[in-house]
């Protein structure tokens, strides 16, 4: 539902979701993270998402309207069922690392309540 920098579904989401501030935004508001540092984290997250998307496409998943992690799970199940060519296995290994890197960044910088 991302359209540029705006979520197209945002107005339709429940109030709790509309009012949610990620941990990074809360830190900017509190003055513990600078606006420039926060933007760097957002750009890094976008690059990591782009890398995951590119690897999914390379592995044959073009369901752009589906949630990212649902696509990752579906790709993993499809590859696990079919057996893999060495090139496919290498791409899948890169996807696994890219998803891990993205999840760590999200957990460390964006999700509230994380250590």
N, C-alpha and C. Protein backbone atom coordinates (compact mmCIF):
# COMPACT_ATOMS: atom_id res chain seq x y z
N UNK A 1 0.81 -1.20 0.00
CA UNK A 1 0.00 0.00 0.00
C UNK A 1 0.85 1.26 0.00
N UNK A 2 2.18 1.11 -0.08
CA UNK A 2 3.05 2.28 -0.08
C UNK A 2 3.01 2.94 -1.44
N UNK A 3 2.76 4.23 -1.45
CA UNK A 3 2.73 5.02 -2.66
C UNK A 3 3.66 6.21 -2.45
N UNK A 4 4.89 6.10 -2.94
CA UNK A 4 5.90 7.12 -2.64
C UNK A 4 6.26 7.02 -1.18
N UNK A 5 5.97 8.05 -0.41
CA UNK A 5 6.23 8.05 1.03
C UNK A 5 4.93 7.99 1.83
N UNK A 6 3.84 7.72 1.17
CA UNK A 6 2.54 7.71 1.85
C UNK A 6 1.89 6.35 1.73
N UNK A 7 1.20 5.97 2.78
CA UNK A 7 0.45 4.72 2.80
C UNK A 7 -0.96 5.00 2.27
N UNK A 8 -1.35 4.33 1.21
CA UNK A 8 -2.68 4.55 0.61
C UNK A 8 -3.79 4.05 1.51
N UNK A 9 -3.52 3.11 2.38
CA UNK A 9 -4.56 2.53 3.22
C UNK A 9 -4.68 3.23 4.56
N UNK A 10 -3.81 4.17 4.83
CA UNK A 10 -3.70 4.76 6.16
C UNK A 10 -5.03 5.27 6.70
N UNK A 11 -5.83 5.96 5.91
CA UNK A 11 -7.10 6.51 6.38
C UNK A 11 -8.11 5.42 6.74
N UNK A 12 -7.93 4.24 6.21
CA UNK A 12 -8.86 3.14 6.47
C UNK A 12 -8.45 2.30 7.67
N UNK A 13 -7.31 2.56 8.23
CA UNK A 13 -6.80 1.75 9.34
C UNK A 13 -7.48 2.14 10.64
N UNK A 14 -7.51 1.21 11.59
CA UNK A 14 -8.09 1.54 12.90
C UNK A 14 -7.33 2.70 13.56
N UNK A 15 -8.00 3.39 14.46
CA UNK A 15 -7.41 4.57 15.11
C UNK A 15 -6.08 4.23 15.77
N UNK A 16 -5.99 3.07 16.42
CA UNK A 16 -4.74 2.68 17.07
C UNK A 16 -3.59 2.67 16.07
N UNK A 17 -3.84 2.13 14.91
CA UNK A 17 -2.79 2.08 13.88
C UNK A 17 -2.49 3.47 13.33
N UNK A 18 -3.54 4.28 13.13
CA UNK A 18 -3.32 5.64 12.61
C UNK A 18 -2.51 6.48 13.58
N UNK A 19 -2.65 6.21 14.86
CA UNK A 19 -1.97 7.00 15.89
C UNK A 19 -0.61 6.43 16.29
N UNK A 20 -0.21 5.32 15.72
CA UNK A 20 1.04 4.65 16.09
C UNK A 20 2.25 5.47 15.64
N UNK A 21 3.19 5.67 16.54
CA UNK A 21 4.50 6.25 16.22
C UNK A 21 5.54 5.16 16.45
N UNK A 22 6.38 4.93 15.46
CA UNK A 22 7.43 3.94 15.64
C UNK A 22 8.45 4.45 16.66
N UNK A 23 9.28 3.54 17.14
CA UNK A 23 10.27 3.89 18.16
C UNK A 23 11.22 4.99 17.66
N UNK A 24 11.58 4.93 16.39
CA UNK A 24 12.49 5.94 15.85
C UNK A 24 11.84 7.33 15.88
N UNK A 25 10.58 7.43 15.49
CA UNK A 25 9.89 8.71 15.53
C UNK A 25 9.77 9.22 16.96
N UNK A 26 9.50 8.34 17.90
CA UNK A 26 9.43 8.75 19.30
C UNK A 26 10.76 9.31 19.79
N UNK A 27 11.86 8.70 19.34
CA UNK A 27 13.18 9.19 19.74
C UNK A 27 13.47 10.56 19.12
N UNK A 28 13.03 10.78 17.89
CA UNK A 28 13.20 12.09 17.27
C UNK A 28 12.40 13.13 18.04
N UNK A 29 11.16 12.80 18.37
CA UNK A 29 10.31 13.74 19.12
C UNK A 29 10.90 14.04 20.50
N UNK A 30 11.54 13.03 21.10
CA UNK A 30 12.14 13.22 22.42
C UNK A 30 13.50 13.92 22.35
N UNK A 31 14.05 14.05 21.16
CA UNK A 31 15.34 14.71 20.99
C UNK A 31 16.53 13.80 21.23
N UNK A 32 16.32 12.50 21.34
CA UNK A 32 17.44 11.58 21.56
C UNK A 32 18.06 11.08 20.26
N UNK A 33 17.38 11.30 19.15
CA UNK A 33 17.91 10.99 17.82
C UNK A 33 17.65 12.21 16.95
N UNK A 34 18.65 12.62 16.20
CA UNK A 34 18.47 13.79 15.33
C UNK A 34 17.61 13.42 14.12
N UNK A 35 17.01 14.42 13.55
CA UNK A 35 16.21 14.24 12.35
C UNK A 35 17.07 13.63 11.23
N UNK A 36 18.28 14.13 11.08
CA UNK A 36 19.19 13.63 10.04
C UNK A 36 19.53 12.16 10.26
N UNK A 37 19.80 11.77 11.51
CA UNK A 37 20.11 10.36 11.80
C UNK A 37 18.89 9.48 11.54
N UNK A 38 17.72 9.97 11.88
CA UNK A 38 16.50 9.20 11.63
C UNK A 38 16.29 9.00 10.13
N UNK A 39 16.52 10.05 9.37
CA UNK A 39 16.38 9.92 7.91
C UNK A 39 17.38 8.92 7.33
N UNK A 40 18.58 8.89 7.89
CA UNK A 40 19.57 7.89 7.45
C UNK A 40 19.06 6.48 7.73
N UNK A 41 18.47 6.27 8.89
CA UNK A 41 17.91 4.95 9.23
C UNK A 41 16.78 4.58 8.28
N UNK A 42 15.93 5.54 7.96
CA UNK A 42 14.81 5.28 7.05
C UNK A 42 15.35 4.92 5.66
N UNK A 43 16.35 5.66 5.19
CA UNK A 43 16.94 5.36 3.88
C UNK A 43 17.58 3.97 3.89
N UNK A 44 18.26 3.62 4.98
CA UNK A 44 18.85 2.29 5.09
C UNK A 44 17.77 1.21 5.06
N UNK A 45 16.68 1.44 5.77
CA UNK A 45 15.57 0.47 5.76
C UNK A 45 14.99 0.32 4.36
N UNK A 46 14.83 1.43 3.66
CA UNK A 46 14.31 1.37 2.29
C UNK A 46 15.26 0.60 1.37
N UNK A 47 16.55 0.81 1.54
CA UNK A 47 17.53 0.06 0.72
C UNK A 47 17.42 -1.43 1.02
N UNK A 48 17.27 -1.77 2.28
CA UNK A 48 17.17 -3.18 2.64
C UNK A 48 15.88 -3.79 2.11
N UNK A 49 14.79 -3.06 2.15
CA UNK A 49 13.54 -3.55 1.56
C UNK A 49 13.71 -3.73 0.06
N UNK A 50 14.34 -2.78 -0.60
CA UNK A 50 14.56 -2.87 -2.05
C UNK A 50 15.40 -4.10 -2.39
N UNK A 51 16.38 -4.40 -1.57
CA UNK A 51 17.22 -5.59 -1.80
C UNK A 51 16.38 -6.86 -1.69
N UNK A 52 15.54 -6.94 -0.66
CA UNK A 52 14.67 -8.11 -0.49
C UNK A 52 13.73 -8.22 -1.69
N UNK A 53 13.13 -7.11 -2.10
CA UNK A 53 12.22 -7.14 -3.25
C UNK A 53 12.93 -7.61 -4.51
N UNK A 54 14.14 -7.12 -4.75
CA UNK A 54 14.89 -7.53 -5.94
C UNK A 54 15.18 -9.02 -5.92
N UNK A 55 15.55 -9.53 -4.75
CA UNK A 55 15.85 -10.96 -4.65
C UNK A 55 14.58 -11.80 -4.82
N UNK A 56 13.47 -11.34 -4.28
CA UNK A 56 12.21 -12.05 -4.49
C UNK A 56 11.87 -12.11 -5.98
N UNK A 57 12.01 -10.98 -6.67
CA UNK A 57 11.73 -10.97 -8.11
C UNK A 57 12.67 -11.92 -8.85
N UNK A 58 13.95 -11.92 -8.48
CA UNK A 58 14.91 -12.81 -9.12
C UNK A 58 14.57 -14.28 -8.89
N UNK A 59 13.88 -14.55 -7.79
CA UNK A 59 13.47 -15.92 -7.47
C UNK A 59 12.07 -16.24 -8.01
N UNK A 60 11.51 -15.33 -8.81
CA UNK A 60 10.25 -15.62 -9.48
C UNK A 60 8.99 -15.15 -8.78
N UNK A 61 9.12 -14.41 -7.70
CA UNK A 61 7.94 -13.90 -6.99
C UNK A 61 7.70 -12.46 -7.43
N UNK A 62 6.59 -12.26 -8.11
CA UNK A 62 6.26 -10.90 -8.56
C UNK A 62 4.91 -10.43 -8.02
N UNK A 63 4.48 -10.99 -6.91
CA UNK A 63 3.20 -10.63 -6.29
C UNK A 63 3.36 -9.35 -5.49
N UNK A 64 3.57 -8.24 -6.19
CA UNK A 64 3.90 -6.96 -5.56
C UNK A 64 2.83 -6.48 -4.58
N UNK A 65 1.58 -6.90 -4.76
CA UNK A 65 0.50 -6.44 -3.90
C UNK A 65 0.46 -7.18 -2.57
N UNK A 66 1.18 -8.26 -2.43
CA UNK A 66 1.19 -9.06 -1.20
C UNK A 66 2.17 -8.49 -0.19
N UNK A 67 1.92 -8.72 1.10
CA UNK A 67 2.87 -8.27 2.13
C UNK A 67 4.25 -8.92 1.93
N UNK A 68 5.27 -8.15 2.22
CA UNK A 68 6.64 -8.59 1.98
C UNK A 68 6.96 -9.93 2.64
N UNK A 69 6.67 -10.05 3.92
CA UNK A 69 7.05 -11.29 4.62
C UNK A 69 6.21 -12.48 4.17
N UNK A 70 4.99 -12.25 3.73
CA UNK A 70 4.18 -13.33 3.17
C UNK A 70 4.84 -13.84 1.89
N UNK A 71 5.37 -12.92 1.11
CA UNK A 71 6.08 -13.31 -0.12
C UNK A 71 7.34 -14.11 0.21
N UNK A 72 8.06 -13.68 1.24
CA UNK A 72 9.28 -14.41 1.63
C UNK A 72 8.90 -15.83 2.06
N UNK A 73 7.87 -15.95 2.89
CA UNK A 73 7.46 -17.30 3.35
C UNK A 73 7.00 -18.17 2.19
N UNK A 74 6.24 -17.58 1.28
CA UNK A 74 5.76 -18.35 0.13
C UNK A 74 6.91 -18.79 -0.75
N UNK A 75 7.87 -17.92 -0.96
CA UNK A 75 9.04 -18.27 -1.76
C UNK A 75 9.83 -19.39 -1.09
N UNK A 76 10.01 -19.31 0.22
CA UNK A 76 10.74 -20.36 0.95
C UNK A 76 10.02 -21.70 0.81
N UNK A 77 8.70 -21.69 0.94
CA UNK A 77 7.94 -22.94 0.82
C UNK A 77 8.04 -23.50 -0.59
N UNK A 78 7.94 -22.63 -1.58
CA UNK A 78 8.01 -23.07 -2.98
C UNK A 78 9.37 -23.67 -3.29
N UNK A 79 10.43 -23.03 -2.82
CA UNK A 79 11.78 -23.53 -3.11
C UNK A 79 12.06 -24.81 -2.33
N UNK A 80 11.53 -24.89 -1.12
CA UNK A 80 11.73 -26.10 -0.32
C UNK A 80 11.04 -27.30 -0.91
N UNK A 81 9.90 -27.09 -1.55
CA UNK A 81 9.14 -28.18 -2.16
C UNK A 81 9.74 -28.64 -3.48
N UNK A 82 10.41 -27.73 -4.19
CA UNK A 82 10.83 -28.03 -5.55
C UNK A 82 12.27 -28.50 -5.67
N UNK A 83 13.07 -28.35 -4.64
CA UNK A 83 14.49 -28.61 -4.80
C UNK A 83 15.08 -27.46 -5.58
N UNK A 84 16.35 -27.22 -5.46
CA UNK A 84 16.88 -25.99 -6.04
C UNK A 84 18.10 -26.23 -6.90
N UNK A 85 18.17 -25.49 -7.96
CA UNK A 85 19.35 -25.38 -8.80
C UNK A 85 20.38 -24.59 -7.97
N UNK A 86 21.68 -24.84 -8.14
CA UNK A 86 22.67 -24.11 -7.35
C UNK A 86 22.54 -22.59 -7.43
N UNK A 87 22.20 -22.04 -8.60
CA UNK A 87 22.02 -20.59 -8.71
C UNK A 87 20.84 -20.12 -7.88
N UNK A 88 19.77 -20.90 -7.89
CA UNK A 88 18.58 -20.56 -7.10
C UNK A 88 18.90 -20.65 -5.62
N UNK A 89 19.64 -21.67 -5.24
CA UNK A 89 20.02 -21.83 -3.84
C UNK A 89 20.87 -20.64 -3.37
N UNK A 90 21.76 -20.17 -4.24
CA UNK A 90 22.61 -19.03 -3.89
C UNK A 90 21.75 -17.77 -3.71
N UNK A 91 20.80 -17.56 -4.62
CA UNK A 91 19.89 -16.41 -4.50
C UNK A 91 19.05 -16.51 -3.23
N UNK A 92 18.57 -17.70 -2.93
CA UNK A 92 17.76 -17.88 -1.73
C UNK A 92 18.60 -17.62 -0.47
N UNK A 93 19.85 -18.04 -0.48
CA UNK A 93 20.74 -17.74 0.65
C UNK A 93 20.91 -16.23 0.82
N UNK A 94 21.08 -15.52 -0.28
CA UNK A 94 21.19 -14.05 -0.22
C UNK A 94 19.90 -13.43 0.29
N UNK A 95 18.75 -13.99 -0.12
CA UNK A 95 17.47 -13.49 0.37
C UNK A 95 17.35 -13.69 1.87
N UNK A 96 17.74 -14.85 2.35
CA UNK A 96 17.68 -15.14 3.78
C UNK A 96 18.50 -14.14 4.59
N UNK A 97 19.70 -13.84 4.13
CA UNK A 97 20.55 -12.86 4.82
C UNK A 97 19.94 -11.47 4.73
N UNK A 98 19.41 -11.10 3.57
CA UNK A 98 18.81 -9.78 3.39
C UNK A 98 17.59 -9.60 4.31
N UNK A 99 16.77 -10.63 4.44
CA UNK A 99 15.60 -10.56 5.33
C UNK A 99 16.07 -10.44 6.78
N UNK A 100 17.08 -11.20 7.14
CA UNK A 100 17.61 -11.10 8.50
C UNK A 100 18.13 -9.69 8.78
N UNK A 101 18.89 -9.13 7.85
CA UNK A 101 19.42 -7.78 8.03
C UNK A 101 18.30 -6.76 8.17
N UNK A 102 17.26 -6.90 7.36
CA UNK A 102 16.11 -5.99 7.45
C UNK A 102 15.40 -6.14 8.79
N UNK A 103 15.16 -7.36 9.20
CA UNK A 103 14.47 -7.60 10.48
C UNK A 103 15.27 -7.06 11.66
N UNK A 104 16.57 -7.19 11.64
CA UNK A 104 17.39 -6.66 12.74
C UNK A 104 17.29 -5.13 12.78
N UNK A 105 17.38 -4.50 11.62
CA UNK A 105 17.26 -3.05 11.58
C UNK A 105 15.90 -2.60 12.11
N UNK A 106 14.85 -3.26 11.67
CA UNK A 106 13.50 -2.91 12.13
C UNK A 106 13.38 -3.09 13.64
N UNK A 107 13.87 -4.20 14.14
CA UNK A 107 13.79 -4.47 15.58
C UNK A 107 14.62 -3.48 16.38
N UNK A 108 15.79 -3.14 15.89
CA UNK A 108 16.69 -2.25 16.62
C UNK A 108 16.26 -0.79 16.56
N UNK A 109 15.65 -0.38 15.46
CA UNK A 109 15.43 1.05 15.25
C UNK A 109 13.96 1.48 15.22
N UNK A 110 13.06 0.59 14.85
CA UNK A 110 11.69 1.03 14.60
C UNK A 110 10.65 0.45 15.55
N UNK A 111 10.85 -0.77 16.03
CA UNK A 111 9.84 -1.40 16.85
C UNK A 111 9.94 -0.90 18.29
N UNK A 112 8.82 -0.53 18.89
CA UNK A 112 8.86 -0.09 20.30
C UNK A 112 9.09 -1.28 21.22
N UNK A 113 9.68 -0.99 22.37
CA UNK A 113 9.83 -2.01 23.39
C UNK A 113 10.96 -2.99 23.17
N UNK A 114 11.78 -2.76 22.18
CA UNK A 114 12.91 -3.65 21.93
C UNK A 114 14.11 -3.18 22.73
N UNK A 115 14.98 -4.11 23.12
CA UNK A 115 16.17 -3.71 23.89
C UNK A 115 17.12 -2.84 23.08
